[in-house]
Amino acid sequence: MAQSQILKINKSIGLTSVSFTPAFYKRAFKNYQQGDFRDLLALIDRAEIHGFVSGCLYARSSGYKRKYSVVPASDSSQDTDIAAFLTEYLSEISMREFLEDMHDARMKYYSVLALGDWGLLDGKQVPLYYEKYDQKYFTYDPKDFILKIDMGKTLEEIPEESAFVIEASRKPIMLSVLADFILLEFGKESWSSFLEVFGEPLIYGEYPLGYNKDQITEAEAGINKIASSNRGILPEGSKLHVITGQSGAGATGHKDYVQDAKANISFTLLGHTEAAGSDRQMQIGDTEASMVATTKIAEDDMFWLEEKIKPFFKLIINRNFNVTKYPKLILDKSTIIDPKTKLTAAQLAFENGAEIDPDFFKEYGIPVLNSDPLKKQNLFDQLGGD
């Protein structure tokens, strides 16, 4: 999307160098408590591109990207028209991306959606586009703890109606994720250092007492030759000793350490630990408990989004209508049923004579050649009865 023509920011603010160490995290957390989120956000941005964290975030966002409806404030014709107008406007923007950009505030504490030029839709004023600005361009003023534009030497207030600002009322969810991710990354570096020291085999030679300098040099050269090529000659009387590298030492403990860190990240984002992998003898969605946990988190995200979008609705409606009550966004909170349960239910219905739409199976990649509804044949049909 084009850059907002209303909200001006300091584009010179660049990337922040980060280090995945407990010391850097402590510094970032201290700055965060003082209203400066930059170090913390830089750590989060790096963590989000990690395969495991990215997968968990995708799984979570898919939970609240549902069908929606705009419910009128009342049954009056005006309120009904307002709801219809908002519904049409929301259909013009990518609502799934809009919800995800809003939800970013829950993950990182705030999100700023810069509103582009205002234009007309059916004679009503609306933002023609929006652009999500990176959180690094903003900071909280330590004097009043109001989010402002960081212009370098000064902090400037965000102009009214130039942006839709979403702020969380609790600590950002990614704060907890980051603590475990840093342990995961720092542990990886520590494990690599351990292997560098103890992972390679140790080779040393032994020579009899009385060897002169030339004989010792010859024995050392023989050992070096064997170490580099697995073959060589040693002087008579000398010996070669090999101590096997401890590449497997502590491997089980390190594996458990990684799994625990992943389990904590999974629990924070999805409400269960199954995303930690098959090493825990299960997969995502294999148990009812995981489905319930994920569904509850999705519901909570949806309630949060429904509440946080109200100022945006109010901003647009106040530009075009003279009302005191506003419509509401309602996201579909119908129960999520996993494919395994759906297919089991379909099989039960089929066995009891129900007709099944072939498209139902095609959704799951099951080839069905018959275009007519599927129905189990009874004995009379199997015998060719009329």
Protein backbone atom coordinates (compact mmCIF):
# COMPACT_ATOMS: atom_id res chain seq x y z
CA MET A 1 0.00 0.00 0.00
CA ALA A 2 1.07 3.57 -0.57
CA GLN A 3 2.46 5.47 2.38
CA SER A 4 -0.04 7.48 4.36
CA GLN A 5 -0.26 11.07 3.19
CA ILE A 6 -1.39 12.13 6.68
CA LEU A 7 0.86 10.44 9.23
CA LYS A 8 4.50 11.50 8.93
CA ILE A 9 7.16 9.40 10.63
CA ASN A 10 10.94 9.38 11.00
CA LYS A 11 12.03 6.94 8.29
CA SER A 12 15.67 7.30 9.34
CA ILE A 13 15.09 4.98 12.30
CA GLY A 14 16.88 1.81 11.25
CA LEU A 15 17.24 -1.72 12.48
CA THR A 16 18.31 -2.45 16.04
CA SER A 17 21.15 -4.92 16.54
CA VAL A 18 20.14 -7.65 18.97
CA SER A 19 21.78 -10.45 20.88
CA PHE A 20 19.86 -13.48 22.08
CA THR A 21 21.38 -13.55 25.54
CA PRO A 22 19.80 -13.23 28.98
CA ALA A 23 21.79 -10.01 29.53
CA PHE A 24 20.38 -8.33 26.40
CA TYR A 25 16.86 -9.47 27.30
CA LYS A 26 17.20 -7.92 30.76
CA ARG A 27 18.28 -4.63 29.18
CA ALA A 28 15.41 -4.75 26.68
CA PHE A 29 12.90 -5.53 29.43
CA LYS A 30 14.18 -2.63 31.55
CA ASN A 31 13.80 -0.24 28.61
CA TYR A 32 10.33 -1.64 27.94
CA GLN A 33 9.27 -0.84 31.50
CA GLN A 34 10.38 2.76 30.86
CA GLY A 35 8.29 3.02 27.67
CA ASP A 36 11.04 2.29 25.13
CA PHE A 37 10.04 -0.90 23.30
CA ARG A 38 12.66 -0.76 20.55
CA ASP A 39 15.08 -3.44 21.81
CA LEU A 40 12.22 -5.71 22.80
CA LEU A 41 10.46 -5.29 19.46
CA ALA A 42 13.69 -6.03 17.58
CA LEU A 43 14.03 -9.30 19.51
CA ILE A 44 10.40 -10.17 18.79
CA ASP A 45 10.77 -9.44 15.07
CA ARG A 46 13.73 -11.81 14.90
CA ALA A 47 11.90 -14.48 16.87
CA GLU A 48 8.83 -14.30 14.61
CA ILE A 49 10.77 -15.58 11.58
CA HIS A 50 11.87 -18.73 13.41
CA GLY A 51 10.06 -21.72 11.91
CA PHE A 52 8.51 -22.97 15.15
CA VAL A 53 7.40 -19.56 16.44
CA SER A 54 6.09 -18.58 13.00
CA GLY A 55 4.06 -21.78 12.80
CA CYS A 56 2.49 -21.20 16.20
CA LEU A 57 1.64 -17.60 15.29
CA TYR A 58 0.04 -18.72 12.03
CA ALA A 59 -2.00 -21.35 13.85
CA ARG A 60 -3.20 -18.76 16.33
CA SER A 61 -4.12 -16.14 13.71
CA SER A 62 -6.11 -18.69 11.71
CA GLY A 63 -8.34 -19.13 14.75
CA TYR A 64 -9.81 -15.61 14.76
CA LYS A 65 -9.95 -14.97 11.00
CA ARG A 66 -13.59 -15.92 10.72
CA LYS A 67 -16.71 -14.81 8.93
CA TYR A 68 -18.14 -11.67 10.45
CA SER A 69 -21.24 -9.52 10.51
CA VAL A 70 -21.94 -5.91 11.43
CA VAL A 71 -24.87 -5.76 13.84
CA PRO A 72 -26.96 -2.54 13.82
CA ALA A 73 -27.21 -0.54 17.03
CA SER A 74 -31.02 -0.90 16.79
CA ASP A 75 -33.80 -1.93 14.42
CA SER A 76 -34.27 1.62 13.13
CA SER A 77 -33.84 2.22 9.42
CA GLN A 78 -30.94 4.60 10.02
CA ASP A 79 -29.02 2.13 12.19
CA THR A 80 -29.69 -0.61 9.65
CA ASP A 81 -28.37 1.61 6.85
CA ILE A 82 -25.25 2.44 8.88
CA ALA A 83 -24.53 -1.26 9.44
CA ALA A 84 -25.00 -1.95 5.73
CA PHE A 85 -22.65 0.92 4.87
CA LEU A 86 -19.94 -0.41 7.21
CA THR A 87 -20.37 -3.92 5.85
CA GLU A 88 -19.82 -2.62 2.31
CA TYR A 89 -16.77 -0.63 3.40
CA LEU A 90 -15.17 -3.58 5.20
CA SER A 91 -15.65 -5.68 2.07
CA GLU A 92 -13.48 -3.17 0.20
CA ILE A 93 -10.47 -3.78 2.46
CA SER A 94 -8.74 -7.05 3.28
CA MET A 95 -10.55 -7.79 6.51
CA ARG A 96 -8.37 -10.79 7.35
CA GLU A 97 -5.22 -8.66 7.12
CA PHE A 98 -6.93 -5.82 8.98
CA LEU A 99 -7.80 -8.12 11.89
CA GLU A 100 -4.26 -9.53 11.94
CA ASP A 101 -2.76 -6.03 11.96
CA MET A 102 -5.06 -5.11 14.85
CA HIS A 103 -4.19 -8.29 16.73
CA ASP A 104 -0.49 -7.41 16.50
CA ALA A 105 -1.18 -4.99 19.37
CA ARG A 106 -2.10 -7.91 21.59
CA MET A 107 1.19 -9.58 20.75
CA LYS A 108 3.42 -6.47 21.01
CA TYR A 109 1.30 -4.05 23.11
CA TYR A 110 0.44 -1.56 20.37
CA SER A 111 -0.20 -1.36 16.65
CA VAL A 112 -0.50 1.76 14.48
CA LEU A 113 -2.54 1.62 11.28
CA ALA A 114 -1.93 4.84 9.35
CA LEU A 115 -5.05 5.94 7.47
CA GLY A 116 -4.50 7.11 3.92
CA ASP A 117 -6.41 9.77 2.02
CA TRP A 118 -10.09 10.01 2.83
CA GLY A 119 -12.39 9.61 -0.15
CA LEU A 120 -16.04 8.83 -0.90
CA LEU A 121 -17.85 5.50 -0.88
CA ASP A 122 -21.51 5.85 -1.85
CA GLY A 123 -21.25 9.49 -0.87
CA LYS A 124 -19.73 8.73 2.56
CA GLN A 125 -16.22 9.67 3.72
CA VAL A 126 -13.92 6.71 4.38
CA PRO A 127 -10.15 6.06 4.47
CA LEU A 128 -9.31 4.79 1.00
CA TYR A 129 -6.47 2.65 2.29
CA TYR A 130 -4.38 2.03 5.37
CA GLU A 131 -0.81 1.01 6.10
CA LYS A 132 0.47 -0.75 9.18
CA TYR A 133 3.53 1.10 10.45
CA ASP A 134 6.32 -0.73 12.23
CA GLN A 135 6.21 -0.26 16.00
CA LYS A 136 9.80 1.00 16.01
CA TYR A 137 8.66 4.43 14.74
CA PHE A 138 6.74 5.07 17.96
CA THR A 139 7.52 5.21 21.65
CA TYR A 140 5.76 6.03 24.87
CA ASP A 141 6.46 9.47 26.30
CA PRO A 142 7.87 8.91 29.82
CA LYS A 143 6.13 12.10 30.97
CA ASP A 144 2.56 11.01 30.29
CA PHE A 145 3.00 7.45 28.89
CA ILE A 146 1.14 8.38 25.70
CA LEU A 147 2.23 6.70 22.48
CA LYS A 148 3.90 9.26 20.22
CA ILE A 149 5.89 9.46 17.00
CA ASP A 150 9.63 9.24 17.62
CA MET A 151 11.15 11.97 15.46
CA GLY A 152 14.62 11.50 16.94
CA LYS A 153 15.17 14.59 19.06
CA THR A 154 11.48 15.12 19.80
CA LEU A 155 8.32 13.13 20.38
CA GLU A 156 5.28 14.27 18.42
CA GLU A 157 1.65 13.38 19.06
CA ILE A 158 -0.15 11.24 16.51
CA PRO A 159 -2.54 13.62 14.71
CA GLU A 160 -6.23 12.91 15.25
CA GLU A 161 -7.84 10.81 12.51
CA SER A 162 -4.45 10.17 10.89
CA ALA A 163 -4.19 6.68 12.30
CA PHE A 164 -6.11 3.94 14.05
CA VAL A 165 -4.08 3.13 17.16
CA ILE A 166 -4.73 -0.14 18.98
CA GLU A 167 -3.25 -0.66 22.43
CA ALA A 168 -3.38 -3.64 24.73
CA SER A 169 -4.26 -3.23 28.38
CA ARG A 170 -2.03 -6.06 29.57
CA LYS A 171 1.54 -7.18 29.00
CA PRO A 172 2.24 -8.20 25.39
CA ILE A 173 1.89 -11.92 24.78
CA MET A 174 5.17 -12.09 22.86
CA LEU A 175 6.97 -10.98 26.02
CA SER A 176 6.47 -14.45 27.51
CA VAL A 177 7.26 -16.14 24.20
CA LEU A 178 10.47 -14.16 23.90
CA ALA A 179 11.76 -15.29 27.29
CA ASP A 180 11.54 -18.95 26.24
CA PHE A 181 12.80 -18.26 22.72
CA ILE A 182 15.93 -16.58 24.08
CA LEU A 183 16.58 -19.64 26.24
CA LEU A 184 16.13 -21.75 23.11
CA GLU A 185 18.59 -19.68 21.05
CA PHE A 186 21.07 -19.09 23.87
CA GLY A 187 20.97 -22.80 24.68
CA LYS A 188 21.76 -23.60 21.04
CA GLU A 189 24.84 -21.36 21.13
CA SER A 190 25.96 -22.87 24.43
CA TRP A 191 25.48 -26.39 23.07
CA SER A 192 27.57 -25.53 19.98
CA SER A 193 30.35 -24.21 22.22
CA PHE A 194 30.20 -27.41 24.25
CA LEU A 195 30.62 -29.52 21.10
CA GLU A 196 33.57 -27.43 19.94
CA VAL A 197 35.38 -28.21 23.18
CA PHE A 198 34.25 -31.76 23.93
CA GLY A 199 32.82 -33.07 20.66
CA GLU A 200 36.08 -33.88 18.85
CA PRO A 201 38.10 -37.00 19.78
CA LEU A 202 41.36 -36.41 21.65
CA ILE A 203 44.49 -38.13 20.28
CA TYR A 204 47.77 -38.28 22.18
CA GLY A 205 50.96 -40.33 22.03
CA GLU A 206 53.13 -42.05 24.57
CA TYR A 207 56.87 -42.67 24.18
CA PRO A 208 59.36 -44.54 26.38
CA LEU A 209 61.70 -42.80 28.77
CA GLY A 210 65.00 -41.91 27.19
CA TYR A 211 63.64 -40.66 23.83
CA ASN A 212 65.79 -37.86 22.52
CA LYS A 213 64.46 -34.67 20.91
CA ASP A 214 64.58 -36.06 17.36
CA GLN A 215 62.70 -39.22 18.34
CA ILE A 216 60.02 -37.18 20.13
CA THR A 217 59.66 -34.97 17.04
CA GLU A 218 59.31 -38.09 14.85
CA ALA A 219 56.64 -39.54 17.15
CA GLU A 220 54.71 -36.25 17.17
CA ALA A 221 54.81 -36.07 13.35
CA GLY A 222 53.46 -39.62 13.17
CA ILE A 223 50.57 -38.78 15.48
CA ASN A 224 49.72 -35.65 13.45
CA LYS A 225 49.74 -37.73 10.27
CA ILE A 226 47.36 -40.30 11.77
CA ALA A 227 45.07 -37.58 13.14
CA SER A 228 44.74 -35.89 9.74
CA SER A 229 44.52 -38.93 7.45
CA ASN A 230 43.65 -41.94 9.65
CA ARG A 231 46.91 -43.65 8.63
CA GLY A 232 50.59 -43.21 9.46
CA ILE A 233 53.69 -44.69 11.14
CA LEU A 234 54.89 -44.38 14.72
CA PRO A 235 58.43 -45.07 15.95
CA GLU A 236 58.95 -48.45 17.61
CA GLY A 237 58.11 -48.36 21.30
CA SER A 238 55.70 -45.41 21.08
CA LYS A 239 51.94 -45.76 21.59
CA LEU A 240 48.82 -43.99 20.33
CA HIS A 241 45.80 -43.27 22.53
CA VAL A 242 42.37 -42.03 21.37
CA ILE A 243 39.75 -40.63 23.71
CA THR A 244 36.35 -40.71 22.01
CA GLY A 245 34.65 -37.32 21.66
CA GLN A 246 31.69 -36.75 23.94
CA SER A 247 29.35 -35.62 21.16
CA GLY A 248 26.54 -37.54 22.80
CA ALA A 249 27.26 -36.31 26.30
CA GLY A 250 24.24 -34.50 27.60
CA ALA A 251 22.43 -34.88 24.26
CA THR A 252 19.31 -36.23 25.92
CA GLY A 253 19.30 -33.39 28.42
CA HIS A 254 19.76 -30.81 25.66
CA LYS A 255 16.94 -32.37 23.63
CA ASP A 256 14.63 -32.17 26.63
CA TYR A 257 15.72 -28.57 27.18
CA VAL A 258 14.75 -27.66 23.60
CA GLN A 259 11.44 -29.51 23.88
CA ASP A 260 10.58 -27.72 27.13
CA ALA A 261 11.29 -24.32 25.57
CA LYS A 262 9.13 -25.16 22.55
CA ALA A 263 6.38 -26.51 24.78
CA ASN A 264 6.30 -23.26 26.75
CA ILE A 265 6.07 -21.22 23.53
CA SER A 266 3.29 -23.47 22.25
CA PHE A 267 1.38 -23.19 25.52
CA THR A 268 1.63 -19.38 25.52
CA LEU A 269 0.41 -18.98 21.94
CA LEU A 270 -1.98 -21.92 21.52
CA GLY A 271 -2.96 -22.97 25.02
CA HIS A 272 -1.44 -26.45 24.74
CA THR A 273 1.99 -28.06 24.31
CA GLU A 274 1.26 -30.39 21.39
CA ALA A 275 2.91 -28.13 18.81
CA ALA A 276 6.24 -29.02 20.47
CA GLY A 277 6.42 -31.97 18.07
CA SER A 278 6.11 -35.69 17.64
CA ASP A 279 8.79 -36.31 20.26
CA ARG A 280 5.94 -35.89 22.72
CA GLN A 281 4.11 -38.71 20.93
CA MET A 282 1.30 -36.53 19.59
CA GLN A 283 0.48 -34.04 16.89
CA ILE A 284 -1.57 -30.84 16.83
CA GLY A 285 -5.26 -31.61 17.16
CA ASP A 286 -4.80 -35.26 18.15
CA THR A 287 -6.46 -34.76 21.50
CA GLU A 288 -9.69 -33.11 22.48
CA ALA A 289 -7.89 -31.04 25.12
CA SER A 290 -5.73 -29.30 22.52
CA MET A 291 -8.74 -28.50 20.34
CA VAL A 292 -10.60 -27.05 23.32
CA ALA A 293 -7.59 -24.96 24.37
CA THR A 294 -7.04 -23.56 20.88
CA THR A 295 -10.75 -22.83 20.45
CA LYS A 296 -10.91 -20.97 23.76
CA ILE A 297 -7.93 -18.81 22.80
CA ALA A 298 -9.50 -18.11 19.40
CA GLU A 299 -12.73 -17.05 21.12
CA ASP A 300 -10.84 -14.77 23.48
CA ASP A 301 -8.98 -13.19 20.54
CA MET A 302 -12.29 -12.62 18.76
CA PHE A 303 -13.89 -10.95 21.78
CA TRP A 304 -10.77 -8.77 22.08
CA LEU A 305 -10.92 -7.74 18.41
CA GLU A 306 -14.65 -6.99 18.60
CA GLU A 307 -13.99 -4.60 21.46
CA LYS A 308 -10.88 -2.95 20.00
CA ILE A 309 -12.44 -2.19 16.60
CA LYS A 310 -15.16 -0.01 18.15
CA PRO A 311 -13.12 3.26 18.00
CA PHE A 312 -12.51 2.64 14.28
CA PHE A 313 -16.24 2.24 13.65
CA LYS A 314 -16.93 5.35 15.68
CA LEU A 315 -14.31 7.35 13.75
CA ILE A 316 -15.92 6.57 10.39
CA ILE A 317 -19.53 6.90 11.53
CA ASN A 318 -18.98 10.27 13.21
CA ARG A 319 -17.70 11.59 9.89
CA ASN A 320 -20.93 10.71 8.16
CA PHE A 321 -23.80 10.37 10.64
CA ASN A 322 -25.17 12.13 13.68
CA VAL A 323 -25.77 9.23 16.07
CA THR A 324 -24.91 8.31 19.64
CA LYS A 325 -25.08 4.53 19.30
CA TYR A 326 -22.84 2.49 17.07
CA PRO A 327 -22.98 -0.92 15.37
CA LYS A 328 -20.87 -3.84 16.54
CA LEU A 329 -18.63 -6.29 14.78
CA ILE A 330 -19.49 -9.91 15.56
CA LEU A 331 -17.07 -12.66 14.54
CA ASP A 332 -18.35 -16.18 14.00
CA LYS A 333 -17.63 -18.14 17.18
CA SER A 334 -19.20 -21.43 16.12
CA THR A 335 -17.31 -24.42 17.43
CA ILE A 336 -14.28 -25.48 15.44
CA ILE A 337 -14.60 -29.16 14.52
CA ASP A 338 -11.43 -30.92 13.44
CA PRO A 339 -11.44 -32.99 10.21
CA LYS A 340 -11.06 -36.28 12.07
CA THR A 341 -14.28 -35.66 14.02
CA LYS A 342 -16.13 -34.51 10.89
CA LEU A 343 -15.12 -37.62 8.92
CA THR A 344 -16.06 -39.90 11.81
CA ALA A 345 -19.48 -38.27 12.04
CA ALA A 346 -19.93 -38.56 8.26
CA GLN A 347 -19.08 -42.25 8.37
CA LEU A 348 -21.61 -42.84 11.16
CA ALA A 349 -24.30 -41.00 9.19
CA PHE A 350 -23.41 -42.93 6.02
CA GLU A 351 -23.61 -46.28 7.80
CA ASN A 352 -27.08 -45.37 9.02
CA GLY A 353 -28.42 -44.55 5.57
CA ALA A 354 -27.83 -40.81 5.34
CA GLU A 355 -26.91 -39.23 1.99
CA ILE A 356 -23.52 -37.48 1.89
CA ASP A 357 -22.62 -34.68 -0.51
CA PRO A 358 -19.52 -35.79 -2.52
CA ASP A 359 -18.07 -32.29 -2.16
CA PHE A 360 -17.74 -32.95 1.57
CA PHE A 361 -15.04 -35.56 0.90
CA LYS A 362 -13.40 -33.56 -1.88
CA GLU A 363 -12.61 -30.83 0.67
CA TYR A 364 -10.18 -33.26 2.30
CA GLY A 365 -8.59 -34.44 -0.95
CA ILE A 366 -10.61 -37.67 -1.15
CA PRO A 367 -11.38 -38.39 -4.84
CA VAL A 368 -15.07 -39.13 -5.43
CA LEU A 369 -16.08 -39.84 -9.03
CA ASN A 370 -19.82 -39.91 -8.42
CA SER A 371 -21.48 -36.48 -8.54
CA ASP A 372 -24.71 -37.76 -6.99
CA PRO A 373 -25.20 -37.85 -3.21
CA LEU A 374 -23.50 -40.87 -1.65
CA LYS A 375 -25.73 -43.37 0.12
CA LYS A 376 -25.02 -46.84 1.42
CA GLN A 377 -26.80 -49.52 -0.56
CA ASN A 378 -29.10 -51.84 1.33
CA LEU A 379 -29.40 -55.55 0.58
CA PHE A 380 -32.35 -54.99 -1.79
CA ASP A 381 -30.31 -52.51 -3.87
CA GLN A 382 -27.29 -54.82 -3.92
CA LEU A 383 -29.48 -57.64 -5.38
CA GLY A 384 -30.60 -55.34 -8.18
CA GLY A 385 -34.15 -54.85 -6.93
CA ASP A 386 -36.43 -52.28 -8.51
